[in-house]
Amino acid sequence: MLVLTRKAQEEIMIGDHIVVSIVKVSGGKIKLGITAPPEISIKREEDPQKFDERAQKRAAGEPHHGKVMKVGGQEYSKQAVAAALI
């Protein structure tokens, strides 16, 4: 996992076609803007427990929801691999 520190109004570019913008930081919350091609699916999880369960599965080496493929010995969702190849 890549961990970055960004300030409001700064951006992070993923590949050549996905931009994550830090719109606002306030009161312990971060507002993000994501710009991506329409063929890229962006999903969010509102239930923190589900995130925790998925993180534990990944840590245990179990694939999470969706189809997974290995690249360089690391497991990635096929969607993430496709996005990286755009």
PDB file of N, CA and C in Angstrom:
ATOM      1  N   MET A   1       0.848  -1.173   0.000  1.00  0.00           N
ATOM      2  CA  MET A   1       0.000   0.000   0.000  1.00  0.00           C
ATOM      3  C   MET A   1       0.892   1.234   0.000  1.00  0.00           C
ATOM      4  N   LEU A   2       0.573   2.145  -0.861  1.00  0.00           N
ATOM      5  CA  LEU A   2       1.265   3.423  -0.914  1.00  0.00           C
ATOM      6  C   LEU A   2       0.503   4.400  -0.027  1.00  0.00           C
ATOM      7  N   VAL A   3       1.193   5.050   0.892  1.00  0.00           N
ATOM      8  CA  VAL A   3       0.561   6.028   1.775  1.00  0.00           C
ATOM      9  C   VAL A   3       1.177   7.386   1.468  1.00  0.00           C
ATOM     10  N   LEU A   4       0.314   8.343   1.140  1.00  0.00           N
ATOM     11  CA  LEU A   4       0.777   9.677   0.789  1.00  0.00           C
ATOM     12  C   LEU A   4       0.147  10.712   1.705  1.00  0.00           C
ATOM     13  N   THR A   5       0.837  11.807   1.889  1.00  0.00           N
ATOM     14  CA  THR A   5       0.281  12.944   2.609  1.00  0.00           C
ATOM     15  C   THR A   5       0.032  14.038   1.585  1.00  0.00           C
ATOM     16  N   ARG A   6      -1.174  14.515   1.528  1.00  0.00           N
ATOM     17  CA  ARG A   6      -1.559  15.558   0.584  1.00  0.00           C
ATOM     18  C   ARG A   6      -2.342  16.621   1.327  1.00  0.00           C
ATOM     19  N   LYS A   7      -2.341  17.816   0.793  1.00  0.00           N
ATOM     20  CA  LYS A   7      -3.119  18.918   1.341  1.00  0.00           C
ATOM     21  C   LYS A   7      -4.316  19.167   0.429  1.00  0.00           C
ATOM     22  N   ALA A   8      -5.268  19.948   0.928  1.00  0.00           N
ATOM     23  CA  ALA A   8      -6.424  20.314   0.112  1.00  0.00           C
ATOM     24  C   ALA A   8      -5.949  20.959  -1.187  1.00  0.00           C
ATOM     25  N   GLN A   9      -6.648  20.673  -2.246  1.00  0.00           N
ATOM     26  CA  GLN A   9      -6.401  21.185  -3.597  1.00  0.00           C
ATOM     27  C   GLN A   9      -5.223  20.491  -4.300  1.00  0.00           C
ATOM     28  N   GLU A  10      -4.609  19.496  -3.679  1.00  0.00           N
ATOM     29  CA  GLU A  10      -3.551  18.739  -4.343  1.00  0.00           C
ATOM     30  C   GLU A  10      -4.164  17.504  -4.998  1.00  0.00           C
ATOM     31  N   GLU A  11      -3.439  16.920  -5.936  1.00  0.00           N
ATOM     32  CA  GLU A  11      -3.953  15.780  -6.691  1.00  0.00           C
ATOM     33  C   GLU A  11      -2.943  14.644  -6.702  1.00  0.00           C
ATOM     34  N   ILE A  12      -3.469  13.458  -6.946  1.00  0.00           N
ATOM     35  CA  ILE A  12      -2.663  12.253  -7.137  1.00  0.00           C
ATOM     36  C   ILE A  12      -3.112  11.647  -8.454  1.00  0.00           C
ATOM     37  N   MET A  13      -2.179  11.306  -9.313  1.00  0.00           N
ATOM     38  CA  MET A  13      -2.521  10.705 -10.592  1.00  0.00           C
ATOM     39  C   MET A  13      -2.198   9.217 -10.550  1.00  0.00           C
ATOM     40  N   ILE A  14      -3.161   8.399 -10.958  1.00  0.00           N
ATOM     41  CA  ILE A  14      -2.989   6.946 -11.027  1.00  0.00           C
ATOM     42  C   ILE A  14      -2.994   6.588 -12.503  1.00  0.00           C
ATOM     43  N   GLY A  15      -1.874   6.083 -12.988  1.00  0.00           N
ATOM     44  CA  GLY A  15      -1.769   5.829 -14.424  1.00  0.00           C
ATOM     45  C   GLY A  15      -1.853   7.151 -15.171  1.00  0.00           C
ATOM     46  N   ASP A  16      -2.388   7.099 -16.384  1.00  0.00           N
ATOM     47  CA  ASP A  16      -2.498   8.305 -17.196  1.00  0.00           C
ATOM     48  C   ASP A  16      -3.904   8.887 -17.218  1.00  0.00           C
ATOM     49  N   HIS A  17      -4.882   8.165 -16.639  1.00  0.00           N
ATOM     50  CA  HIS A  17      -6.267   8.565 -16.834  1.00  0.00           C
ATOM     51  C   HIS A  17      -7.087   8.709 -15.555  1.00  0.00           C
ATOM     52  N   ILE A  18      -6.504   8.494 -14.399  1.00  0.00           N
ATOM     53  CA  ILE A  18      -7.261   8.588 -13.148  1.00  0.00           C
ATOM     54  C   ILE A  18      -6.599   9.635 -12.257  1.00  0.00           C
ATOM     55  N   VAL A  19      -7.404  10.612 -11.826  1.00  0.00           N
ATOM     56  CA  VAL A  19      -6.900  11.676 -10.963  1.00  0.00           C
ATOM     57  C   VAL A  19      -7.749  11.697  -9.694  1.00  0.00           C
ATOM     58  N   VAL A  20      -7.069  11.644  -8.553  1.00  0.00           N
ATOM     59  CA  VAL A  20      -7.735  11.764  -7.257  1.00  0.00           C
ATOM     60  C   VAL A  20      -7.367  13.137  -6.707  1.00  0.00           C
ATOM     61  N   SER A  21      -8.384  13.969  -6.478  1.00  0.00           N
ATOM     62  CA  SER A  21      -8.180  15.328  -5.979  1.00  0.00           C
ATOM     63  C   SER A  21      -8.620  15.410  -4.526  1.00  0.00           C
ATOM     64  N   ILE A  22      -7.815  16.060  -3.704  1.00  0.00           N
ATOM     65  CA  ILE A  22      -8.201  16.314  -2.325  1.00  0.00           C
ATOM     66  C   ILE A  22      -8.975  17.629  -2.373  1.00  0.00           C
ATOM     67  N   VAL A  23     -10.288  17.553  -2.232  1.00  0.00           N
ATOM     68  CA  VAL A  23     -11.146  18.722  -2.373  1.00  0.00           C
ATOM     69  C   VAL A  23     -11.162  19.536  -1.085  1.00  0.00           C
ATOM     70  N   LYS A  24     -11.301  18.835   0.059  1.00  0.00           N
ATOM     71  CA  LYS A  24     -11.415  19.549   1.326  1.00  0.00           C
ATOM     72  C   LYS A  24     -10.984  18.645   2.471  1.00  0.00           C
ATOM     73  N   VAL A  25     -10.300  19.208   3.451  1.00  0.00           N
ATOM     74  CA  VAL A  25      -9.934  18.506   4.674  1.00  0.00           C
ATOM     75  C   VAL A  25     -10.499  19.323   5.824  1.00  0.00           C
ATOM     76  N   SER A  26     -11.377  18.698   6.626  1.00  0.00           N
ATOM     77  CA  SER A  26     -12.021  19.450   7.695  1.00  0.00           C
ATOM     78  C   SER A  26     -12.564  18.502   8.756  1.00  0.00           C
ATOM     79  N   GLY A  27     -12.282  18.792  10.012  1.00  0.00           N
ATOM     80  CA  GLY A  27     -12.864  18.048  11.115  1.00  0.00           C
ATOM     81  C   GLY A  27     -12.653  16.550  11.055  1.00  0.00           C
ATOM     82  N   GLY A  28     -11.483  16.105  10.669  1.00  0.00           N
ATOM     83  CA  GLY A  28     -11.208  14.675  10.625  1.00  0.00           C
ATOM     84  C   GLY A  28     -11.790  13.972   9.411  1.00  0.00           C
ATOM     85  N   LYS A  29     -12.336  14.732   8.464  1.00  0.00           N
ATOM     86  CA  LYS A  29     -12.889  14.146   7.245  1.00  0.00           C
ATOM     87  C   LYS A  29     -12.155  14.701   6.030  1.00  0.00           C
ATOM     88  N   ILE A  30     -12.082  13.860   5.007  1.00  0.00           N
ATOM     89  CA  ILE A  30     -11.447  14.253   3.754  1.00  0.00           C
ATOM     90  C   ILE A  30     -12.485  14.115   2.652  1.00  0.00           C
ATOM     91  N   LYS A  31     -12.628  15.133   1.841  1.00  0.00           N
ATOM     92  CA  LYS A  31     -13.526  15.065   0.693  1.00  0.00           C
ATOM     93  C   LYS A  31     -12.655  14.880  -0.552  1.00  0.00           C
ATOM     94  N   LEU A  32     -12.885  13.761  -1.258  1.00  0.00           N
ATOM     95  CA  LEU A  32     -12.111  13.422  -2.448  1.00  0.00           C
ATOM     96  C   LEU A  32     -12.937  13.627  -3.699  1.00  0.00           C
ATOM     97  N   GLY A  33     -12.269  13.987  -4.768  1.00  0.00           N
ATOM     98  CA  GLY A  33     -12.874  14.006  -6.090  1.00  0.00           C
ATOM     99  C   GLY A  33     -12.090  13.033  -6.948  1.00  0.00           C
ATOM    100  N   ILE A  34     -12.782  12.207  -7.717  1.00  0.00           N
ATOM    101  CA  ILE A  34     -12.109  11.215  -8.561  1.00  0.00           C
ATOM    102  C   ILE A  34     -12.542  11.431 -10.000  1.00  0.00           C
ATOM    103  N   THR A  35     -11.581  11.616 -10.880  1.00  0.00           N
ATOM    104  CA  THR A  35     -11.841  11.750 -12.303  1.00  0.00           C
ATOM    105  C   THR A  35     -11.260  10.524 -12.985  1.00  0.00           C
ATOM    106  N   ALA A  36     -12.127   9.794 -13.695  1.00  0.00           N
ATOM    107  CA  ALA A  36     -11.689   8.563 -14.359  1.00  0.00           C
ATOM    108  C   ALA A  36     -12.548   8.357 -15.604  1.00  0.00           C
ATOM    109  N   PRO A  37     -12.035   7.592 -16.562  1.00  0.00           N
ATOM    110  CA  PRO A  37     -12.836   7.279 -17.750  1.00  0.00           C
ATOM    111  C   PRO A  37     -14.103   6.523 -17.358  1.00  0.00           C
ATOM    112  N   PRO A  38     -15.156   6.621 -18.158  1.00  0.00           N
ATOM    113  CA  PRO A  38     -16.428   5.983 -17.810  1.00  0.00           C
ATOM    114  C   PRO A  38     -16.346   4.464 -17.697  1.00  0.00           C
ATOM    115  N   GLU A  39     -15.378   3.839 -18.339  1.00  0.00           N
ATOM    116  CA  GLU A  39     -15.281   2.378 -18.261  1.00  0.00           C
ATOM    117  C   GLU A  39     -14.645   1.894 -16.954  1.00  0.00           C
ATOM    118  N   ILE A  40     -14.133   2.820 -16.150  1.00  0.00           N
ATOM    119  CA  ILE A  40     -13.559   2.475 -14.852  1.00  0.00           C
ATOM    120  C   ILE A  40     -14.651   2.569 -13.799  1.00  0.00           C
ATOM    121  N   SER A  41     -14.902   1.464 -13.115  1.00  0.00           N
ATOM    122  CA  SER A  41     -15.914   1.425 -12.065  1.00  0.00           C
ATOM    123  C   SER A  41     -15.293   1.906 -10.758  1.00  0.00           C
ATOM    124  N   ILE A  42     -15.963   2.841 -10.104  1.00  0.00           N
ATOM    125  CA  ILE A  42     -15.498   3.347  -8.816  1.00  0.00           C
ATOM    126  C   ILE A  42     -16.530   2.947  -7.784  1.00  0.00           C
ATOM    127  N   LYS A  43     -16.101   2.170  -6.805  1.00  0.00           N
ATOM    128  CA  LYS A  43     -17.006   1.685  -5.780  1.00  0.00           C
ATOM    129  C   LYS A  43     -16.580   2.219  -4.431  1.00  0.00           C
ATOM    130  N   ARG A  44     -17.545   2.383  -3.543  1.00  0.00           N
ATOM    131  CA  ARG A  44     -17.225   2.826  -2.193  1.00  0.00           C
ATOM    132  C   ARG A  44     -17.937   1.923  -1.202  1.00  0.00           C
ATOM    133  N   GLU A  45     -17.385   1.849  -0.035  1.00  0.00           N
ATOM    134  CA  GLU A  45     -17.951   1.013   1.019  1.00  0.00           C
ATOM    135  C   GLU A  45     -18.235   1.907   2.212  1.00  0.00           C
ATOM    136  N   GLU A  46     -19.503   2.016   2.573  1.00  0.00           N
ATOM    137  CA  GLU A  46     -19.897   2.880   3.670  1.00  0.00           C
ATOM    138  C   GLU A  46     -19.784   2.192   5.030  1.00  0.00           C
ATOM    139  N   ASP A  47     -19.651   0.878   5.044  1.00  0.00           N
ATOM    140  CA  ASP A  47     -19.598   0.117   6.289  1.00  0.00           C
ATOM    141  C   ASP A  47     -18.142  -0.184   6.638  1.00  0.00           C
ATOM    142  N   PRO A  48     -17.558   0.517   7.617  1.00  0.00           N
ATOM    143  CA  PRO A  48     -16.149   0.299   7.966  1.00  0.00           C
ATOM    144  C   PRO A  48     -15.846  -1.150   8.340  1.00  0.00           C
ATOM    145  N   GLN A  49     -16.817  -1.872   8.885  1.00  0.00           N
ATOM    146  CA  GLN A  49     -16.592  -3.268   9.253  1.00  0.00           C
ATOM    147  C   GLN A  49     -16.294  -4.097   8.007  1.00  0.00           C
ATOM    148  N   LYS A  50     -16.974  -3.823   6.892  1.00  0.00           N
ATOM    149  CA  LYS A  50     -16.710  -4.557   5.653  1.00  0.00           C
ATOM    150  C   LYS A  50     -15.292  -4.299   5.165  1.00  0.00           C
ATOM    151  N   PHE A  51     -14.817  -3.041   5.289  1.00  0.00           N
ATOM    152  CA  PHE A  51     -13.442  -2.752   4.926  1.00  0.00           C
ATOM    153  C   PHE A  51     -12.482  -3.563   5.779  1.00  0.00           C
ATOM    154  N   ASP A  52     -12.760  -3.621   7.093  1.00  0.00           N
ATOM    155  CA  ASP A  52     -11.903  -4.380   8.004  1.00  0.00           C
ATOM    156  C   ASP A  52     -11.878  -5.853   7.625  1.00  0.00           C
ATOM    157  N   GLU A  53     -13.050  -6.409   7.304  1.00  0.00           N
ATOM    158  CA  GLU A  53     -13.122  -7.822   6.916  1.00  0.00           C
ATOM    159  C   GLU A  53     -12.324  -8.076   5.645  1.00  0.00           C
ATOM    160  N   ARG A  54     -12.441  -7.189   4.674  1.00  0.00           N
ATOM    161  CA  ARG A  54     -11.686  -7.349   3.418  1.00  0.00           C
ATOM    162  C   ARG A  54     -10.192  -7.229   3.666  1.00  0.00           C
ATOM    163  N   ALA A  55      -9.791  -6.296   4.511  1.00  0.00           N
ATOM    164  CA  ALA A  55      -8.367  -6.129   4.822  1.00  0.00           C
ATOM    165  C   ALA A  55      -7.817  -7.378   5.493  1.00  0.00           C
ATOM    166  N   GLN A  56      -8.602  -7.974   6.399  1.00  0.00           N
ATOM    167  CA  GLN A  56      -8.157  -9.197   7.067  1.00  0.00           C
ATOM    168  C   GLN A  56      -8.032 -10.339   6.069  1.00  0.00           C
ATOM    169  N   LYS A  57      -8.965 -10.443   5.125  1.00  0.00           N
ATOM    170  CA  LYS A  57      -8.889 -11.492   4.106  1.00  0.00           C
ATOM    171  C   LYS A  57      -7.657 -11.303   3.231  1.00  0.00           C
ATOM    172  N   ARG A  58      -7.386 -10.043   2.847  1.00  0.00           N
ATOM    173  CA  ARG A  58      -6.201  -9.793   2.022  1.00  0.00           C
ATOM    174  C   ARG A  58      -4.937 -10.146   2.797  1.00  0.00           C
ATOM    175  N   ALA A  59      -4.896  -9.796   4.085  1.00  0.00           N
ATOM    176  CA  ALA A  59      -3.725 -10.093   4.916  1.00  0.00           C
ATOM    177  C   ALA A  59      -3.527 -11.598   5.065  1.00  0.00           C
ATOM    178  N   ALA A  60      -4.642 -12.347   5.061  1.00  0.00           N
ATOM    179  CA  ALA A  60      -4.567 -13.805   5.184  1.00  0.00           C
ATOM    180  C   ALA A  60      -4.316 -14.469   3.833  1.00  0.00           C
ATOM    181  N   GLY A  61      -4.233 -13.658   2.784  1.00  0.00           N
ATOM    182  CA  GLY A  61      -3.978 -14.221   1.457  1.00  0.00           C
ATOM    183  C   GLY A  61      -5.213 -14.721   0.753  1.00  0.00           C
ATOM    184  N   GLU A  62      -6.391 -14.433   1.303  1.00  0.00           N
ATOM    185  CA  GLU A  62      -7.626 -14.854   0.662  1.00  0.00           C
ATOM    186  C   GLU A  62      -8.060 -13.782  -0.323  1.00  0.00           C
ATOM    187  N   PRO A  63      -8.538 -14.166  -1.505  1.00  0.00           N
ATOM    188  CA  PRO A  63      -9.004 -13.156  -2.455  1.00  0.00           C
ATOM    189  C   PRO A  63     -10.257 -12.475  -1.927  1.00  0.00           C
ATOM    190  N   HIS A  64     -10.382 -11.187  -2.209  1.00  0.00           N
ATOM    191  CA  HIS A  64     -11.576 -10.453  -1.801  1.00  0.00           C
ATOM    192  C   HIS A  64     -12.596 -10.518  -2.930  1.00  0.00           C
ATOM    193  N   HIS A  65     -13.705  -9.802  -2.767  1.00  0.00           N
ATOM    194  CA  HIS A  65     -14.773  -9.828  -3.754  1.00  0.00           C
ATOM    195  C   HIS A  65     -14.229  -9.470  -5.131  1.00  0.00           C
ATOM    196  N   GLY A  66     -14.731 -10.104  -6.140  1.00  0.00           N
ATOM    197  CA  GLY A  66     -14.306  -9.825  -7.495  1.00  0.00           C
ATOM    198  C   GLY A  66     -13.262 -10.822  -7.947  1.00  0.00           C
ATOM    199  N   LYS A  67     -12.926 -10.736  -9.207  1.00  0.00           N
ATOM    200  CA  LYS A  67     -11.945 -11.647  -9.775  1.00  0.00           C
ATOM    201  C   LYS A  67     -10.550 -11.106  -9.511  1.00  0.00           C
ATOM    202  N   VAL A  68      -9.646 -12.010  -9.205  1.00  0.00           N
ATOM    203  CA  VAL A  68      -8.292 -11.639  -8.812  1.00  0.00           C
ATOM    204  C   VAL A  68      -7.299 -12.284  -9.759  1.00  0.00           C
ATOM    205  N   MET A  69      -6.208 -11.565 -10.032  1.00  0.00           N
ATOM    206  CA  MET A  69      -5.116 -12.161 -10.800  1.00  0.00           C
ATOM    207  C   MET A  69      -3.793 -11.764 -10.156  1.00  0.00           C
ATOM    208  N   LYS A  70      -2.787 -12.607 -10.344  1.00  0.00           N
ATOM    209  CA  LYS A  70      -1.471 -12.337  -9.765  1.00  0.00           C
ATOM    210  C   LYS A  70      -0.599 -11.642 -10.795  1.00  0.00           C
ATOM    211  N   VAL A  71       0.083 -10.604 -10.340  1.00  0.00           N
ATOM    212  CA  VAL A  71       1.047  -9.889 -11.172  1.00  0.00           C
ATOM    213  C   VAL A  71       2.281  -9.721 -10.316  1.00  0.00           C
ATOM    214  N   GLY A  72       3.386 -10.311 -10.752  1.00  0.00           N
ATOM    215  CA  GLY A  72       4.619 -10.212  -9.990  1.00  0.00           C
ATOM    216  C   GLY A  72       4.508 -10.784  -8.590  1.00  0.00           C
ATOM    217  N   GLY A  73       3.688 -11.849  -8.435  1.00  0.00           N
ATOM    218  CA  GLY A  73       3.518 -12.492  -7.146  1.00  0.00           C
ATOM    219  C   GLY A  73       2.526 -11.801  -6.222  1.00  0.00           C
ATOM    220  N   GLN A  74       1.988 -10.675  -6.633  1.00  0.00           N
ATOM    221  CA  GLN A  74       1.017  -9.916  -5.826  1.00  0.00           C
ATOM    222  C   GLN A  74      -0.364 -10.072  -6.438  1.00  0.00           C
ATOM    223  N   GLU A  75      -1.400 -10.203  -5.603  1.00  0.00           N
ATOM    224  CA  GLU A  75      -2.765 -10.335  -6.106  1.00  0.00           C
ATOM    225  C   GLU A  75      -3.401  -8.962  -6.283  1.00  0.00           C
ATOM    226  N   TYR A  76      -4.033  -8.787  -7.446  1.00  0.00           N
ATOM    227  CA  TYR A  76      -4.752  -7.559  -7.764  1.00  0.00           C
ATOM    228  C   TYR A  76      -6.087  -7.950  -8.381  1.00  0.00           C
ATOM    229  N   SER A  77      -7.091  -7.061  -8.242  1.00  0.00           N
ATOM    230  CA  SER A  77      -8.340  -7.311  -8.929  1.00  0.00           C
ATOM    231  C   SER A  77      -8.081  -7.117 -10.423  1.00  0.00           C
ATOM    232  N   LYS A  78      -8.812  -7.878 -11.238  1.00  0.00           N
ATOM    233  CA  LYS A  78      -8.656  -7.732 -12.685  1.00  0.00           C
ATOM    234  C   LYS A  78      -8.987  -6.309 -13.112  1.00  0.00           C
ATOM    235  N   GLN A  79      -9.911  -5.684 -12.408  1.00  0.00           N
ATOM    236  CA  GLN A  79     -10.293  -4.305 -12.708  1.00  0.00           C
ATOM    237  C   GLN A  79      -9.092  -3.377 -12.481  1.00  0.00           C
ATOM    238  N   ALA A  80      -8.355  -3.575 -11.392  1.00  0.00           N
ATOM    239  CA  ALA A  80      -7.198  -2.735 -11.095  1.00  0.00           C
ATOM    240  C   ALA A  80      -6.109  -2.935 -12.133  1.00  0.00           C
ATOM    241  N   VAL A  81      -5.898  -4.179 -12.553  1.00  0.00           N
ATOM    242  CA  VAL A  81      -4.890  -4.457 -13.572  1.00  0.00           C
ATOM    243  C   VAL A  81      -5.273  -3.793 -14.886  1.00  0.00           C
ATOM    244  N   ALA A  82      -6.557  -3.918 -15.259  1.00  0.00           N
ATOM    245  CA  ALA A  82      -7.035  -3.301 -16.504  1.00  0.00           C
ATOM    246  C   ALA A  82      -6.850  -1.784 -16.444  1.00  0.00           C
ATOM    247  N   ALA A  83      -7.147  -1.183 -15.289  1.00  0.00           N
ATOM    248  CA  ALA A  83      -7.014   0.263 -15.136  1.00  0.00           C
ATOM    249  C   ALA A  83      -5.557   0.682 -15.265  1.00  0.00           C
ATOM    250  N   ALA A  84      -4.645  -0.128 -14.749  1.00  0.00           N
ATOM    251  CA  ALA A  84      -3.220   0.191 -14.809  1.00  0.00           C
ATOM    252  C   ALA A  84      -2.680   0.104 -16.225  1.00  0.00           C
ATOM    253  N   LEU A  85      -3.339  -0.689 -17.062  1.00  0.00           N
ATOM    254  CA  LEU A  85      -2.870  -0.888 -18.430  1.00  0.00           C
ATOM    255  C   LEU A  85      -3.427   0.135 -19.413  1.00  0.00           C
ATOM    256  N   ILE A  86      -4.361   0.953 -18.952  1.00  0.00           N
ATOM    257  CA  ILE A  86      -4.973   1.955 -19.847  1.00  0.00           C
ATOM    258  C   ILE A  86      -3.946   2.982 -20.229  1.00  0.00           C
TER     259      ILE A  86
END
